[in-house]
C-alpha atoms as a PDB file:
ATOM      1  CA  UNK A   1       0.000   0.000   0.000  1.00  0.00           C
ATOM      2  CA  UNK A   2       1.182   3.522  -0.746  1.00  0.00           C
ATOM      3  CA  UNK A   3       1.098   6.135   2.054  1.00  0.00           C
ATOM      4  CA  UNK A   4      -2.240   7.637   1.024  1.00  0.00           C
ATOM      5  CA  UNK A   5      -3.891   4.223   0.875  1.00  0.00           C
ATOM      6  CA  UNK A   6      -2.458   3.416   4.295  1.00  0.00           C
ATOM      7  CA  UNK A   7      -3.895   6.631   5.734  1.00  0.00           C
ATOM      8  CA  UNK A   8      -7.282   5.786   4.192  1.00  0.00           C
ATOM      9  CA  UNK A   9      -7.187   2.332   5.743  1.00  0.00           C
ATOM     10  CA  UNK A  10      -6.154   3.730   9.119  1.00  0.00           C
ATOM     11  CA  UNK A  11      -9.265   5.908   8.988  1.00  0.00           C
ATOM     12  CA  UNK A  12     -11.454   2.819   8.851  1.00  0.00           C
ATOM     13  CA  UNK A  13     -14.078   2.808  11.612  1.00  0.00           C
ATOM     14  CA  UNK A  14     -14.859  -0.910  11.356  1.00  0.00           C
ATOM     15  CA  UNK A  15     -12.501  -2.685  13.733  1.00  0.00           C
ATOM     16  CA  UNK A  16      -8.723  -2.398  13.967  1.00  0.00           C
ATOM     17  CA  UNK A  17      -7.013  -2.047  10.539  1.00  0.00           C
ATOM     18  CA  UNK A  18      -4.168  -4.417  11.393  1.00  0.00           C
ATOM     19  CA  UNK A  19      -2.903  -4.749   7.811  1.00  0.00           C
ATOM     20  CA  UNK A  20      -2.450  -0.983   7.448  1.00  0.00           C
ATOM     21  CA  UNK A  21      -0.778  -0.726  10.860  1.00  0.00           C
ATOM     22  CA  UNK A  22       1.667  -3.531  10.058  1.00  0.00           C
ATOM     23  CA  UNK A  23       2.385  -2.028   6.635  1.00  0.00           C
ATOM     24  CA  UNK A  24       3.191   1.294   8.306  1.00  0.00           C
ATOM     25  CA  UNK A  25       5.564  -0.377  10.747  1.00  0.00           C
ATOM     26  CA  UNK A  26       7.225  -2.373   7.989  1.00  0.00           C
ATOM     27  CA  UNK A  27       7.826   0.665   5.754  1.00  0.00           C
ATOM     28  CA  UNK A  28       8.421   3.660   8.028  1.00  0.00           C
ATOM     29  CA  UNK A  29      10.479   5.577   5.476  1.00  0.00           C
ATOM     30  CA  UNK A  30       7.476   5.617   3.162  1.00  0.00           C
ATOM     31  CA  UNK A  31       4.752   6.574   5.631  1.00  0.00           C
ATOM     32  CA  UNK A  32       6.381   8.632   8.394  1.00  0.00           C
ATOM     33  CA  UNK A  33       6.726  11.837   6.338  1.00  0.00           C
ATOM     34  CA  UNK A  34       3.008  11.671   5.499  1.00  0.00           C
ATOM     35  CA  UNK A  35       2.121  10.957   9.131  1.00  0.00           C
ATOM     36  CA  UNK A  36       4.255  13.824  10.425  1.00  0.00           C
ATOM     37  CA  UNK A  37       2.686  16.244   7.963  1.00  0.00           C
ATOM     38  CA  UNK A  38      -0.817  15.314   9.168  1.00  0.00           C
ATOM     39  CA  UNK A  39       0.265  15.686  12.788  1.00  0.00           C
ATOM     40  CA  UNK A  40       1.875  19.080  12.139  1.00  0.00           C
ATOM     41  CA  UNK A  41      -1.157  20.324  10.210  1.00  0.00           C
ATOM     42  CA  UNK A  42      -3.528  19.433  13.010  1.00  0.00           C
ATOM     43  CA  UNK A  43      -1.254  20.896  15.683  1.00  0.00           C
ATOM     44  CA  UNK A  44      -1.051  24.138  13.704  1.00  0.00           C
ATOM     45  CA  UNK A  45      -4.820  24.381  13.403  1.00  0.00           C
ATOM     46  CA  UNK A  46      -4.885  23.710   9.665  1.00  0.00           C
ATOM     47  CA  UNK A  47      -8.014  21.940   8.379  1.00  0.00           C
ATOM     48  CA  UNK A  48      -7.750  18.193   7.890  1.00  0.00           C
ATOM     49  CA  UNK A  49      -9.729  15.984   5.572  1.00  0.00           C
ATOM     50  CA  UNK A  50     -12.214  13.594   7.158  1.00  0.00           C
ATOM     51  CA  UNK A  51      -9.839  10.715   6.401  1.00  0.00           C
ATOM     52  CA  UNK A  52      -6.931  12.478   8.096  1.00  0.00           C
ATOM     53  CA  UNK A  53      -9.053  13.305  11.155  1.00  0.00           C
ATOM     54  CA  UNK A  54     -10.146   9.700  11.509  1.00  0.00           C
ATOM     55  CA  UNK A  55      -6.624   8.339  10.995  1.00  0.00           C
ATOM     56  CA  UNK A  56      -4.738  10.612  13.379  1.00  0.00           C
ATOM     57  CA  UNK A  57      -5.468   8.504  16.490  1.00  0.00           C
ATOM     58  CA  UNK A  58      -3.727   5.471  14.991  1.00  0.00           C
ATOM     59  CA  UNK A  59      -1.036   7.604  13.377  1.00  0.00           C
ATOM     60  CA  UNK A  60       0.019   8.892  16.800  1.00  0.00           C
ATOM     61  CA  UNK A  61       0.226   5.360  18.173  1.00  0.00           C
ATOM     62  CA  UNK A  62       2.217   4.081  15.202  1.00  0.00           C
ATOM     63  CA  UNK A  63       4.680   6.969  15.506  1.00  0.00           C
ATOM     64  CA  UNK A  64       4.979   6.078  19.175  1.00  0.00           C
ATOM     65  CA  UNK A  65       5.723   2.431  18.435  1.00  0.00           C
ATOM     66  CA  UNK A  66       8.321   3.487  15.879  1.00  0.00           C
ATOM     67  CA  UNK A  67       9.988   5.742  18.469  1.00  0.00           C
ATOM     68  CA  UNK A  68       9.807   8.589  15.974  1.00  0.00           C
ATOM     69  CA  UNK A  69      11.391  11.551  17.778  1.00  0.00           C
ATOM     70  CA  UNK A  70      10.348  13.952  14.996  1.00  0.00           C
ATOM     71  CA  UNK A  71       6.785  13.442  16.200  1.00  0.00           C
ATOM     72  CA  UNK A  72       7.564  14.774  19.678  1.00  0.00           C
ATOM     73  CA  UNK A  73       7.306  18.516  18.944  1.00  0.00           C
ATOM     74  CA  UNK A  74       4.096  18.433  16.897  1.00  0.00           C
ATOM     75  CA  UNK A  75       2.633  16.035  19.457  1.00  0.00           C
ATOM     76  CA  UNK A  76       3.335  18.534  22.243  1.00  0.00           C
ATOM     77  CA  UNK A  77       1.681  21.233  20.127  1.00  0.00           C
ATOM     78  CA  UNK A  78      -1.316  18.956  19.623  1.00  0.00           C
ATOM     79  CA  UNK A  79      -1.579  18.368  23.367  1.00  0.00           C
ATOM     80  CA  UNK A  80      -2.051  22.092  23.889  1.00  0.00           C
ATOM     81  CA  UNK A  81      -5.433  22.001  22.123  1.00  0.00           C
ATOM     82  CA  UNK A  82      -8.513  22.732  24.226  1.00  0.00           C
ATOM     83  CA  UNK A  83      -9.837  19.812  26.239  1.00  0.00           C
ATOM     84  CA  UNK A  84     -12.751  18.802  23.997  1.00  0.00           C
ATOM     85  CA  UNK A  85     -10.629  19.073  20.848  1.00  0.00           C
ATOM     86  CA  UNK A  86      -7.892  16.964  22.382  1.00  0.00           C
ATOM     87  CA  UNK A  87     -10.273  14.315  23.647  1.00  0.00           C
ATOM     88  CA  UNK A  88     -11.905  14.119  20.225  1.00  0.00           C
ATOM     89  CA  UNK A  89      -8.487  13.067  18.924  1.00  0.00           C
ATOM     90  CA  UNK A  90      -7.130  10.844  21.691  1.00  0.00           C
ATOM     91  CA  UNK A  91     -10.083   9.932  23.887  1.00  0.00           C
ATOM     92  CA  UNK A  92      -9.088   7.670  26.765  1.00  0.00           C
ATOM     93  CA  UNK A  93      -5.641   7.190  25.230  1.00  0.00           C
ATOM     94  CA  UNK A  94      -4.706  10.363  27.127  1.00  0.00           C
ATOM     95  CA  UNK A  95      -4.587   8.244  30.266  1.00  0.00           C
ATOM     96  CA  UNK A  96      -3.880   4.823  28.765  1.00  0.00           C
ATOM     97  CA  UNK A  97      -1.169   5.134  26.117  1.00  0.00           C
ATOM     98  CA  UNK A  98      -0.056   8.780  25.933  1.00  0.00           C
ATOM     99  CA  UNK A  99       2.557   8.404  28.720  1.00  0.00           C
ATOM    100  CA  UNK A 100       4.288   5.603  26.807  1.00  0.00           C
ATOM    101  CA  UNK A 101       4.059   7.532  23.527  1.00  0.00           C
ATOM    102  CA  UNK A 102       5.712  10.582  25.111  1.00  0.00           C
ATOM    103  CA  UNK A 103       8.426   8.311  26.481  1.00  0.00           C
ATOM    104  CA  UNK A 104       9.096   6.691  23.111  1.00  0.00           C
ATOM    105  CA  UNK A 105       9.019   9.876  20.999  1.00  0.00           C
ATOM    106  CA  UNK A 106      10.965  12.112  23.420  1.00  0.00           C
ATOM    107  CA  UNK A 107      13.611  14.059  21.486  1.00  0.00           C
ATOM    108  CA  UNK A 108      15.931  14.779  24.411  1.00  0.00           C
ATOM    109  CA  UNK A 109      14.830  18.325  25.198  1.00  0.00           C
ATOM    110  CA  UNK A 110      14.162  18.163  28.930  1.00  0.00           C
ATOM    111  CA  UNK A 111      13.145  21.820  29.050  1.00  0.00           C
ATOM    112  CA  UNK A 112      10.143  21.141  26.805  1.00  0.00           C
ATOM    113  CA  UNK A 113       9.075  18.354  29.141  1.00  0.00           C
ATOM    114  CA  UNK A 114       9.359  20.661  32.147  1.00  0.00           C
ATOM    115  CA  UNK A 115       7.318  23.324  30.348  1.00  0.00           C
ATOM    116  CA  UNK A 116       4.574  20.832  29.552  1.00  0.00           C
ATOM    117  CA  UNK A 117       4.419  19.714  33.181  1.00  0.00           C
ATOM    118  CA  UNK A 118       4.352  23.312  34.431  1.00  0.00           C
ATOM    119  CA  UNK A 119       1.733  24.631  31.982  1.00  0.00           C
ATOM    120  CA  UNK A 120      -1.494  25.248  33.953  1.00  0.00           C
ATOM    121  CA  UNK A 121      -3.482  25.601  30.716  1.00  0.00           C
ATOM    122  CA  UNK A 122      -2.993  21.952  29.765  1.00  0.00           C
ATOM    123  CA  UNK A 123      -5.266  19.042  30.620  1.00  0.00           C
ATOM    124  CA  UNK A 124      -4.196  17.605  33.984  1.00  0.00           C
ATOM    125  CA  UNK A 125      -3.831  14.134  32.459  1.00  0.00           C
ATOM    126  CA  UNK A 126      -1.527  15.509  29.756  1.00  0.00           C
ATOM    127  CA  UNK A 127       0.610  16.962  32.515  1.00  0.00           C
ATOM    128  CA  UNK A 128       0.513  13.587  34.254  1.00  0.00           C
ATOM    129  CA  UNK A 129       1.709  11.907  31.054  1.00  0.00           C
ATOM    130  CA  UNK A 130       4.621  14.355  30.913  1.00  0.00           C
ATOM    131  CA  UNK A 131       5.494  13.644  34.554  1.00  0.00           C
ATOM    132  CA  UNK A 132       5.468   9.928  33.742  1.00  0.00           C
ATOM    133  CA  UNK A 133       7.838  10.518  30.817  1.00  0.00           C
ATOM    134  CA  UNK A 134      10.100  12.595  33.073  1.00  0.00           C
ATOM    135  CA  UNK A 135      10.060   9.885  35.759  1.00  0.00           C
ATOM    136  CA  UNK A 136      11.062   7.274  33.192  1.00  0.00           C
ATOM    137  CA  UNK A 137      14.146   9.357  32.345  1.00  0.00           C
ATOM    138  CA  UNK A 138      15.003   9.558  36.035  1.00  0.00           C
ATOM    139  CA  UNK A 139      14.462   5.825  36.554  1.00  0.00           C
ATOM    140  CA  UNK A 140      16.769   4.994  33.649  1.00  0.00           C
ATOM    141  CA  UNK A 141      19.491   7.380  34.876  1.00  0.00           C
ATOM    142  CA  UNK A 142      19.180   9.919  32.101  1.00  0.00           C
ATOM    143  CA  UNK A 143      18.339  12.440  34.801  1.00  0.00           C
ATOM    144  CA  UNK A 144      20.809  12.486  37.678  1.00  0.00           C
ATOM    145  CA  UNK A 145      19.202  11.385  40.960  1.00  0.00           C
ATOM    146  CA  UNK A 146      20.349  14.481  42.817  1.00  0.00           C
ATOM    147  CA  UNK A 147      18.867  16.646  40.080  1.00  0.00           C
ATOM    148  CA  UNK A 148      15.638  14.627  40.129  1.00  0.00           C
ATOM    149  CA  UNK A 149      15.388  14.901  43.902  1.00  0.00           C
ATOM    150  CA  UNK A 150      15.923  18.657  43.771  1.00  0.00           C
ATOM    151  CA  UNK A 151      13.330  19.145  41.043  1.00  0.00           C
ATOM    152  CA  UNK A 152      10.728  17.118  42.934  1.00  0.00           C
ATOM    153  CA  UNK A 153      11.424  18.892  46.224  1.00  0.00           C
ATOM    154  CA  UNK A 154      10.960  22.308  44.549  1.00  0.00           C
ATOM    155  CA  UNK A 155       7.870  21.191  42.617  1.00  0.00           C
ATOM    156  CA  UNK A 156       5.207  22.434  45.110  1.00  0.00           C
ATOM    157  CA  UNK A 157       6.615  25.962  45.123  1.00  0.00           C
ATOM    158  CA  UNK A 158       7.176  26.193  41.389  1.00  0.00           C
ATOM    159  CA  UNK A 159       4.075  24.454  40.030  1.00  0.00           C
ATOM    160  CA  UNK A 160       0.654  25.972  39.464  1.00  0.00           C
ATOM    161  CA  UNK A 161      -2.234  23.539  39.787  1.00  0.00           C
ATOM    162  CA  UNK A 162      -5.508  23.643  41.728  1.00  0.00           C
ATOM    163  CA  UNK A 163      -6.025  21.561  44.879  1.00  0.00           C
ATOM    164  CA  UNK A 164      -6.805  17.894  44.170  1.00  0.00           C
ATOM    165  CA  UNK A 165      -5.494  18.218  40.637  1.00  0.00           C
ATOM    166  CA  UNK A 166      -4.111  14.969  39.272  1.00  0.00           C
ATOM    167  CA  UNK A 167      -0.804  16.831  38.835  1.00  0.00           C
ATOM    168  CA  UNK A 168      -0.166  16.698  42.590  1.00  0.00           C
ATOM    169  CA  UNK A 169      -0.965  13.018  42.871  1.00  0.00           C
ATOM    170  CA  UNK A 170       1.278  12.270  39.891  1.00  0.00           C
ATOM    171  CA  UNK A 171       4.108  14.252  41.499  1.00  0.00           C
ATOM    172  CA  UNK A 172       3.756  12.271  44.736  1.00  0.00           C
ATOM    173  CA  UNK A 173       3.677   9.047  42.757  1.00  0.00           C
ATOM    174  CA  UNK A 174       6.940  10.018  41.032  1.00  0.00           C
ATOM    175  CA  UNK A 175       8.555  10.539  44.448  1.00  0.00           C
ATOM    176  CA  UNK A 176       7.351   7.124  45.618  1.00  0.00           C
ATOM    177  CA  UNK A 177       8.503   5.275  42.517  1.00  0.00           C
ATOM    178  CA  UNK A 178      11.904   6.939  42.490  1.00  0.00           C
ATOM    179  CA  UNK A 179      12.330   5.809  46.088  1.00  0.00           C
ATOM    180  CA  UNK A 180      12.899   9.267  47.562  1.00  0.00           C
ATOM    181  CA  UNK A 181      11.862   8.403  51.096  1.00  0.00           C
ATOM    182  CA  UNK A 182      13.538  11.581  52.341  1.00  0.00           C
ATOM    183  CA  UNK A 183      10.819  13.621  50.567  1.00  0.00           C
ATOM    184  CA  UNK A 184       8.004  11.952  52.517  1.00  0.00           C
ATOM    185  CA  UNK A 185       7.520  15.031  54.700  1.00  0.00           C
ATOM    186  CA  UNK A 186       6.998  17.161  51.590  1.00  0.00           C
ATOM    187  CA  UNK A 187       4.293  14.771  50.397  1.00  0.00           C
ATOM    188  CA  UNK A 188       2.709  14.701  53.860  1.00  0.00           C
ATOM    189  CA  UNK A 189       2.446  18.489  53.732  1.00  0.00           C
ATOM    190  CA  UNK A 190       0.715  18.278  50.342  1.00  0.00           C
ATOM    191  CA  UNK A 191      -1.850  15.917  51.827  1.00  0.00           C
ATOM    192  CA  UNK A 192      -2.286  18.147  54.865  1.00  0.00           C
ATOM    193  CA  UNK A 193      -2.919  21.317  52.868  1.00  0.00           C
ATOM    194  CA  UNK A 194      -5.429  19.598  50.566  1.00  0.00           C
ATOM    195  CA  UNK A 195      -3.409  19.494  47.371  1.00  0.00           C
ATOM    196  CA  UNK A 196      -3.666  15.703  47.221  1.00  0.00           C
ATOM    197  CA  UNK A 197      -6.985  14.078  47.985  1.00  0.00           C
ATOM    198  CA  UNK A 198     -10.350  13.122  46.589  1.00  0.00           C
ATOM    199  CA  UNK A 199      -8.821  11.459  43.535  1.00  0.00           C
ATOM    200  CA  UNK A 200      -9.736   7.791  43.122  1.00  0.00           C
ATOM    201  CA  UNK A 201      -7.823   7.174  39.883  1.00  0.00           C
ATOM    202  CA  UNK A 202      -5.591   4.133  40.030  1.00  0.00           C
ATOM    203  CA  UNK A 203      -2.372   6.050  39.361  1.00  0.00           C
ATOM    204  CA  UNK A 204      -2.822   8.334  42.334  1.00  0.00           C
ATOM    205  CA  UNK A 205      -1.664   7.672  45.889  1.00  0.00           C
ATOM    206  CA  UNK A 206      -4.982   8.805  47.352  1.00  0.00           C
ATOM    207  CA  UNK A 207      -3.914   8.381  50.983  1.00  0.00           C
ATOM    208  CA  UNK A 208      -0.621   8.589  52.804  1.00  0.00           C
ATOM    209  CA  UNK A 209      -0.817   4.832  53.361  1.00  0.00           C
ATOM    210  CA  UNK A 210      -1.085   4.356  49.593  1.00  0.00           C
ATOM    211  CA  UNK A 211       1.926   6.609  49.083  1.00  0.00           C
ATOM    212  CA  UNK A 212       3.992   4.701  51.641  1.00  0.00           C
ATOM    213  CA  UNK A 213       2.965   1.369  50.113  1.00  0.00           C
ATOM    214  CA  UNK A 214       4.039   2.548  46.651  1.00  0.00           C
ATOM    215  CA  UNK A 215       7.336   3.793  48.071  1.00  0.00           C
ATOM    216  CA  UNK A 216       8.001   0.467  49.776  1.00  0.00           C
ATOM    217  CA  UNK A 217       7.078  -1.495  46.662  1.00  0.00           C
ATOM    218  CA  UNK A 218       9.368   0.552  44.420  1.00  0.00           C
ATOM    219  CA  UNK A 219      12.289   0.105  46.800  1.00  0.00           C
ATOM    220  CA  UNK A 220      11.779  -3.655  47.035  1.00  0.00           C
ATOM    221  CA  UNK A 221      11.092  -4.514  43.376  1.00  0.00           C
ATOM    222  CA  UNK A 222      13.583  -7.298  42.472  1.00  0.00           C
ATOM    223  CA  UNK A 223      13.208  -7.020  38.690  1.00  0.00           C
ATOM    224  CA  UNK A 224      13.351  -3.336  37.774  1.00  0.00           C
ATOM    225  CA  UNK A 225      12.449  -3.765  34.111  1.00  0.00           C
ATOM    226  CA  UNK A 226       9.441  -5.933  34.890  1.00  0.00           C
ATOM    227  CA  UNK A 227       8.348  -3.480  37.579  1.00  0.00           C
ATOM    228  CA  UNK A 228       8.757  -0.464  35.260  1.00  0.00           C
ATOM    229  CA  UNK A 229       6.707  -2.167  32.563  1.00  0.00           C
ATOM    230  CA  UNK A 230       3.951  -3.036  35.015  1.00  0.00           C
ATOM    231  CA  UNK A 231       3.888   0.516  36.364  1.00  0.00           C
ATOM    232  CA  UNK A 232       3.729   1.864  32.781  1.00  0.00           C
ATOM    233  CA  UNK A 233       7.132   3.536  32.928  1.00  0.00           C
ATOM    234  CA  UNK A 234       7.970   2.131  29.515  1.00  0.00           C
ATOM    235  CA  UNK A 235       7.984   3.221  25.866  1.00  0.00           C
ATOM    236  CA  UNK A 236       4.856   2.429  23.888  1.00  0.00           C
ATOM    237  CA  UNK A 237       5.553  -0.778  22.006  1.00  0.00           C
ATOM    238  CA  UNK A 238       2.793  -2.662  20.230  1.00  0.00           C
ATOM    239  CA  UNK A 239      -0.091  -0.859  18.557  1.00  0.00           C
ATOM    240  CA  UNK A 240      -1.908  -3.963  17.352  1.00  0.00           C
ATOM    241  CA  UNK A 241      -1.661  -5.976  20.570  1.00  0.00           C
ATOM    242  CA  UNK A 242      -2.518  -2.967  22.735  1.00  0.00           C
ATOM    243  CA  UNK A 243      -5.480  -1.590  20.800  1.00  0.00           C
ATOM    244  CA  UNK A 244      -6.966  -4.978  19.914  1.00  0.00           C
ATOM    245  CA  UNK A 245      -7.816  -5.251  23.636  1.00  0.00           C
ATOM    246  CA  UNK A 246      -9.860  -2.027  23.538  1.00  0.00           C
ATOM    247  CA  UNK A 247     -13.614  -2.215  23.141  1.00  0.00           C
ATOM    248  CA  UNK A 248     -13.723   0.329  20.313  1.00  0.00           C
ATOM    249  CA  UNK A 249     -11.628  -1.990  18.165  1.00  0.00           C
ATOM    250  CA  UNK A 250     -13.100  -5.330  19.195  1.00  0.00           C
ATOM    251  CA  UNK A 251     -15.649  -7.323  17.242  1.00  0.00           C
ATOM    252  CA  UNK A 252     -17.989  -7.545  20.197  1.00  0.00           C
ATOM    253  CA  UNK A 253     -21.000  -5.205  20.170  1.00  0.00           C
ATOM    254  CA  UNK A 254     -20.735  -2.318  22.600  1.00  0.00           C
ATOM    255  CA  UNK A 255     -23.191  -2.018  25.435  1.00  0.00           C
ATOM    256  CA  UNK A 256     -25.560   0.595  24.036  1.00  0.00           C
ATOM    257  CA  UNK A 257     -26.165   2.369  27.317  1.00  0.00           C
ATOM    258  CA  UNK A 258     -22.516   2.418  28.368  1.00  0.00           C
ATOM    259  CA  UNK A 259     -21.115   3.611  25.065  1.00  0.00           C
ATOM    260  CA  UNK A 260     -23.956   5.603  23.521  1.00  0.00           C
ATOM    261  CA  UNK A 261     -22.087   8.883  24.074  1.00  0.00           C
ATOM    262  CA  UNK A 262     -18.640   7.643  23.021  1.00  0.00           C
ATOM    263  CA  UNK A 263     -17.117   8.448  19.664  1.00  0.00           C
ATOM    264  CA  UNK A 264     -15.147   5.806  17.789  1.00  0.00           C
ATOM    265  CA  UNK A 265     -11.910   7.529  18.736  1.00  0.00           C
ATOM    266  CA  UNK A 266     -12.582   7.405  22.476  1.00  0.00           C
ATOM    267  CA  UNK A 267     -11.597   3.800  23.192  1.00  0.00           C
ATOM    268  CA  UNK A 268     -11.556   2.175  26.624  1.00  0.00           C
ATOM    269  CA  UNK A 269      -9.821  -1.053  27.651  1.00  0.00           C
ATOM    270  CA  UNK A 270     -12.016  -4.144  27.584  1.00  0.00           C
ATOM    271  CA  UNK A 271     -12.435  -6.377  30.587  1.00  0.00           C
ATOM    272  CA  UNK A 272      -9.937  -9.246  30.648  1.00  0.00           C
ATOM    273  CA  UNK A 273     -10.838 -11.362  33.708  1.00  0.00           C
ATOM    274  CA  UNK A 274      -8.082 -13.883  32.979  1.00  0.00           C
ATOM    275  CA  UNK A 275      -5.196 -11.470  33.376  1.00  0.00           C
ATOM    276  CA  UNK A 276      -3.043 -11.852  36.486  1.00  0.00           C
ATOM    277  CA  UNK A 277      -3.781  -8.520  38.130  1.00  0.00           C
ATOM    278  CA  UNK A 278      -1.987  -7.350  41.274  1.00  0.00           C
ATOM    279  CA  UNK A 279      -3.745  -5.350  43.988  1.00  0.00           C
ATOM    280  CA  UNK A 280      -2.015  -2.132  42.932  1.00  0.00           C
ATOM    281  CA  UNK A 281      -2.345  -2.704  39.198  1.00  0.00           C
ATOM    282  CA  UNK A 282      -4.880  -0.777  37.088  1.00  0.00           C
ATOM    283  CA  UNK A 283      -8.231  -2.539  37.200  1.00  0.00           C
ATOM    284  CA  UNK A 284      -8.785  -4.447  33.930  1.00  0.00           C
ATOM    285  CA  UNK A 285     -12.381  -3.212  33.766  1.00  0.00           C
ATOM    286  CA  UNK A 286     -11.068   0.140  32.549  1.00  0.00           C
ATOM    287  CA  UNK A 287     -12.453   2.232  35.420  1.00  0.00           C
ATOM    288  CA  UNK A 288      -9.155   4.051  35.915  1.00  0.00           C
ATOM    289  CA  UNK A 289      -8.935   2.869  39.526  1.00  0.00           C
ATOM    290  CA  UNK A 290      -6.526   0.459  41.140  1.00  0.00           C
ATOM    291  CA  UNK A 291      -7.727  -3.141  41.101  1.00  0.00           C
ATOM    292  CA  UNK A 292      -7.883  -3.164  44.924  1.00  0.00           C
ATOM    293  CA  UNK A 293     -10.227  -0.139  44.847  1.00  0.00           C
ATOM    294  CA  UNK A 294     -12.466  -1.488  42.128  1.00  0.00           C
ATOM    295  CA  UNK A 295     -13.348  -5.029  40.986  1.00  0.00           C
ATOM    296  CA  UNK A 296     -11.296  -6.773  43.675  1.00  0.00           C
ATOM    297  CA  UNK A 297     -13.957  -5.593  46.125  1.00  0.00           C
END
């Protein structure tokens, strides 16, 4: 398939176009320029064709799997779109796969990552995704631990976000997973002054006990790579395997009441009751909560 045919097939709204995805991955030199142009056009506010609009969700994921660093800048521009516009493009991928895509497309400019995290105009989950990408760089040693510790300790004074914003919970989670036990008092203060609290999403340490449990788990993890993968501190890897598990791309009919207000490009993970899910893992039902706070009960 030529690039234009691939884009047309990626715009298909009838299941997951695996053939077009695999063709894109097999011939990146042919399709990436076309993909980047579509991404840049949308980020710049230029009008897209209906085919391009429908294809951009999968294009972003394919560029992520390819580790295409040229996609990083236009992707950051795209993430600055207003909330409804952004969610029309990425849907629930903002929480599910965007962190891994930012990790895999990162072009090395740490300042741009800091600016994304600090920008109060951005969706709180976009800022969370940027914090996750930053934490990955610290976990892998690309960011010096002393520098990471200093940045996290100064975060409350230098960051603008409303109380109970996901940004604060994500910051505390980064401290826990980097094993900075010495910053516990800083996190305790954030709980005490109401910055962290009232957030039941699975990624957030919603109580001090949760925070301490995450800290202990990160310090004790015997297999760091396996732990990082499980905690989603890992580059986005497999578009077909990942998205084929999402209800918007499955062959099963959606529950009319549950999905009547969802667009095709707002996928959610399907329930997989056979997966070995840990208490602190994301619940496979797709609620966004930890397993222990959702279906385990």
